[in-house]
Amino acid sequence: MTLRKIFTLYTVCFLSVTLLIGIAEKAFGLSNMWIGYLFMGLSLGIYILIGIITRTSNADQYYVAGRNVPAIYNGMATGSDWMSAASFISMAGTLSIQGFSGLAYIM
């Protein structure tokens, strides 16, 4: 299975889970607690499914992905890691310096 198919499968599954939870919320009046449990459980299920589909017994495949990851996907992964770390650090700094009024920048 190619990397493009795996990413497409993940995206389709994730969007489907999100849509189904939204429909279930409207149809059954789910509480926020149950929505959180469903979202976490179904998202974890997607990751497990992808792990089973792409399993390998070769250690090189695990540590360096067999050097088969295209530059665009590697760049997206690096960018998302950098953005999440930068956002987390900046939010903590803003709240530390400005206190409660710093929430306006975070929102």
C-alpha atoms as a PDB file:
ATOM      1  CA  MET A   1       0.000   0.000   0.000  1.00  0.00           C
ATOM      2  CA  THR A   2       1.474   3.372  -1.003  1.00  0.00           C
ATOM      3  CA  LEU A   3       1.940   6.250   1.386  1.00  0.00           C
ATOM      4  CA  ARG A   4      -0.562   8.359  -0.555  1.00  0.00           C
ATOM      5  CA  LYS A   5      -3.243   5.697  -0.087  1.00  0.00           C
ATOM      6  CA  ILE A   6      -2.496   5.482   3.635  1.00  0.00           C
ATOM      7  CA  PHE A   7      -2.787   9.252   4.095  1.00  0.00           C
ATOM      8  CA  THR A   8      -5.993   9.278   2.044  1.00  0.00           C
ATOM      9  CA  LEU A   9      -7.417   6.414   4.120  1.00  0.00           C
ATOM     10  CA  TYR A  10      -6.558   8.249   7.335  1.00  0.00           C
ATOM     11  CA  THR A  11      -8.098  11.515   6.143  1.00  0.00           C
ATOM     12  CA  VAL A  12     -11.306   9.849   4.963  1.00  0.00           C
ATOM     13  CA  CYS A  13     -11.651   7.862   8.198  1.00  0.00           C
ATOM     14  CA  PHE A  14     -10.931  10.880  10.402  1.00  0.00           C
ATOM     15  CA  LEU A  15     -13.440  13.097   8.587  1.00  0.00           C
ATOM     16  CA  SER A  16     -16.020  10.301   8.680  1.00  0.00           C
ATOM     17  CA  VAL A  17     -15.567   9.846  12.427  1.00  0.00           C
ATOM     18  CA  THR A  18     -15.937  13.579  12.995  1.00  0.00           C
ATOM     19  CA  LEU A  19     -19.076  13.723  10.845  1.00  0.00           C
ATOM     20  CA  LEU A  20     -20.616  10.659  12.511  1.00  0.00           C
ATOM     21  CA  ILE A  21     -20.000  12.074  15.982  1.00  0.00           C
ATOM     22  CA  GLY A  22     -21.662  15.336  14.924  1.00  0.00           C
ATOM     23  CA  ILE A  23     -24.680  13.449  13.600  1.00  0.00           C
ATOM     24  CA  ALA A  24     -24.847  11.325  16.756  1.00  0.00           C
ATOM     25  CA  GLU A  25     -24.703  14.460  18.897  1.00  0.00           C
ATOM     26  CA  LYS A  26     -27.716  15.968  17.143  1.00  0.00           C
ATOM     27  CA  ALA A  27     -29.691  12.717  16.885  1.00  0.00           C
ATOM     28  CA  PHE A  28     -29.102  11.325  20.378  1.00  0.00           C
ATOM     29  CA  GLY A  29     -28.213  14.440  22.400  1.00  0.00           C
ATOM     30  CA  LEU A  30     -24.850  13.104  23.550  1.00  0.00           C
ATOM     31  CA  SER A  31     -23.132  14.866  26.432  1.00  0.00           C
ATOM     32  CA  ASN A  32     -19.673  16.399  26.052  1.00  0.00           C
ATOM     33  CA  MET A  33     -18.202  13.540  28.074  1.00  0.00           C
ATOM     34  CA  TRP A  34     -19.517  10.908  25.651  1.00  0.00           C
ATOM     35  CA  ILE A  35     -18.430  12.921  22.626  1.00  0.00           C
ATOM     36  CA  GLY A  36     -14.899  13.027  24.066  1.00  0.00           C
ATOM     37  CA  TYR A  37     -14.896   9.271  24.703  1.00  0.00           C
ATOM     38  CA  LEU A  38     -16.202   8.534  21.202  1.00  0.00           C
ATOM     39  CA  PHE A  39     -13.723  10.856  19.528  1.00  0.00           C
ATOM     40  CA  MET A  40     -10.763   9.414  21.428  1.00  0.00           C
ATOM     41  CA  GLY A  41     -11.862   5.800  20.952  1.00  0.00           C
ATOM     42  CA  LEU A  42     -12.612   6.092  17.252  1.00  0.00           C
ATOM     43  CA  SER A  43      -9.447   8.098  16.558  1.00  0.00           C
ATOM     44  CA  LEU A  44      -7.414   5.466  18.389  1.00  0.00           C
ATOM     45  CA  GLY A  45      -9.161   2.802  16.314  1.00  0.00           C
ATOM     46  CA  ILE A  46      -8.090   4.570  13.111  1.00  0.00           C
ATOM     47  CA  TYR A  47      -4.468   4.631  14.295  1.00  0.00           C
ATOM     48  CA  ILE A  48      -4.635   0.943  15.207  1.00  0.00           C
ATOM     49  CA  LEU A  49      -6.086   0.104  11.777  1.00  0.00           C
ATOM     50  CA  ILE A  50      -3.314   2.016  10.001  1.00  0.00           C
ATOM     51  CA  GLY A  51      -0.716   0.319  12.218  1.00  0.00           C
ATOM     52  CA  ILE A  52      -2.059  -3.115  11.323  1.00  0.00           C
ATOM     53  CA  ILE A  53      -2.206  -2.312   7.612  1.00  0.00           C
ATOM     54  CA  THR A  54       1.373  -0.982   7.526  1.00  0.00           C
ATOM     55  CA  ARG A  55       3.011  -3.427   9.946  1.00  0.00           C
ATOM     56  CA  THR A  56       6.567  -4.564   9.351  1.00  0.00           C
ATOM     57  CA  SER A  57       9.103  -6.847  10.998  1.00  0.00           C
ATOM     58  CA  ASN A  58      12.139  -5.016   9.636  1.00  0.00           C
ATOM     59  CA  ALA A  59      13.742  -2.617  12.171  1.00  0.00           C
ATOM     60  CA  ASP A  60      14.966  -0.265   9.432  1.00  0.00           C
ATOM     61  CA  GLN A  61      11.381   0.246   8.288  1.00  0.00           C
ATOM     62  CA  TYR A  62      10.399   1.275  11.797  1.00  0.00           C
ATOM     63  CA  TYR A  63      13.200   3.728  12.589  1.00  0.00           C
ATOM     64  CA  VAL A  64      13.707   5.478   9.266  1.00  0.00           C
ATOM     65  CA  ALA A  65      10.580   4.411   7.367  1.00  0.00           C
ATOM     66  CA  GLY A  66      12.769   2.575   4.904  1.00  0.00           C
ATOM     67  CA  ARG A  67      13.756   5.949   3.430  1.00  0.00           C
ATOM     68  CA  ASN A  68      10.527   5.828   1.429  1.00  0.00           C
ATOM     69  CA  VAL A  69       8.795   8.954   2.755  1.00  0.00           C
ATOM     70  CA  PRO A  70       8.579  11.627   0.028  1.00  0.00           C
ATOM     71  CA  ALA A  71       9.913  15.091   0.815  1.00  0.00           C
ATOM     72  CA  ILE A  72       6.451  16.717   0.808  1.00  0.00           C
ATOM     73  CA  TYR A  73       5.128  14.377   3.537  1.00  0.00           C
ATOM     74  CA  ASN A  74       8.310  14.732   5.561  1.00  0.00           C
ATOM     75  CA  GLY A  75       8.030  18.508   5.284  1.00  0.00           C
ATOM     76  CA  MET A  76       4.398  18.450   6.409  1.00  0.00           C
ATOM     77  CA  ALA A  77       5.317  16.350   9.461  1.00  0.00           C
ATOM     78  CA  THR A  78       8.213  18.623  10.372  1.00  0.00           C
ATOM     79  CA  GLY A  79       6.072  21.737   9.922  1.00  0.00           C
ATOM     80  CA  SER A  80       3.264  20.416  12.082  1.00  0.00           C
ATOM     81  CA  ASP A  81       5.707  19.478  14.867  1.00  0.00           C
ATOM     82  CA  TRP A  82       7.302  22.903  14.756  1.00  0.00           C
ATOM     83  CA  MET A  83       3.956  24.726  14.701  1.00  0.00           C
ATOM     84  CA  SER A  84       2.549  22.802  17.643  1.00  0.00           C
ATOM     85  CA  ALA A  85       5.665  23.363  19.761  1.00  0.00           C
ATOM     86  CA  ALA A  86       5.885  27.045  18.840  1.00  0.00           C
ATOM     87  CA  SER A  87       2.187  27.561  19.566  1.00  0.00           C
ATOM     88  CA  PHE A  88       2.402  25.824  22.932  1.00  0.00           C
ATOM     89  CA  ILE A  89       5.456  27.810  24.026  1.00  0.00           C
ATOM     90  CA  SER A  90       4.001  31.118  22.845  1.00  0.00           C
ATOM     91  CA  MET A  91       0.680  30.499  24.627  1.00  0.00           C
ATOM     92  CA  ALA A  92       2.461  29.722  27.882  1.00  0.00           C
ATOM     93  CA  GLY A  93       4.634  32.824  27.525  1.00  0.00           C
ATOM     94  CA  THR A  94       1.676  35.066  26.734  1.00  0.00           C
ATOM     95  CA  LEU A  95      -0.259  33.872  29.780  1.00  0.00           C
ATOM     96  CA  SER A  96       2.836  34.162  31.969  1.00  0.00           C
ATOM     97  CA  ILE A  97       3.549  37.745  30.954  1.00  0.00           C
ATOM     98  CA  GLN A  98       0.039  39.157  30.518  1.00  0.00           C
ATOM     99  CA  GLY A  99      -1.979  36.975  32.838  1.00  0.00           C
ATOM    100  CA  PHE A 100      -5.714  36.675  32.270  1.00  0.00           C
ATOM    101  CA  SER A 101      -5.787  39.431  29.640  1.00  0.00           C
ATOM    102  CA  GLY A 102      -3.380  37.322  27.541  1.00  0.00           C
ATOM    103  CA  LEU A 103      -6.246  34.965  26.758  1.00  0.00           C
ATOM    104  CA  ALA A 104      -7.426  37.435  24.131  1.00  0.00           C
ATOM    105  CA  TYR A 105      -4.330  36.675  22.044  1.00  0.00           C
ATOM    106  CA  ILE A 106      -4.763  32.937  22.443  1.00  0.00           C
ATOM    107  CA  MET A 107      -8.408  33.023  21.415  1.00  0.00           C
END
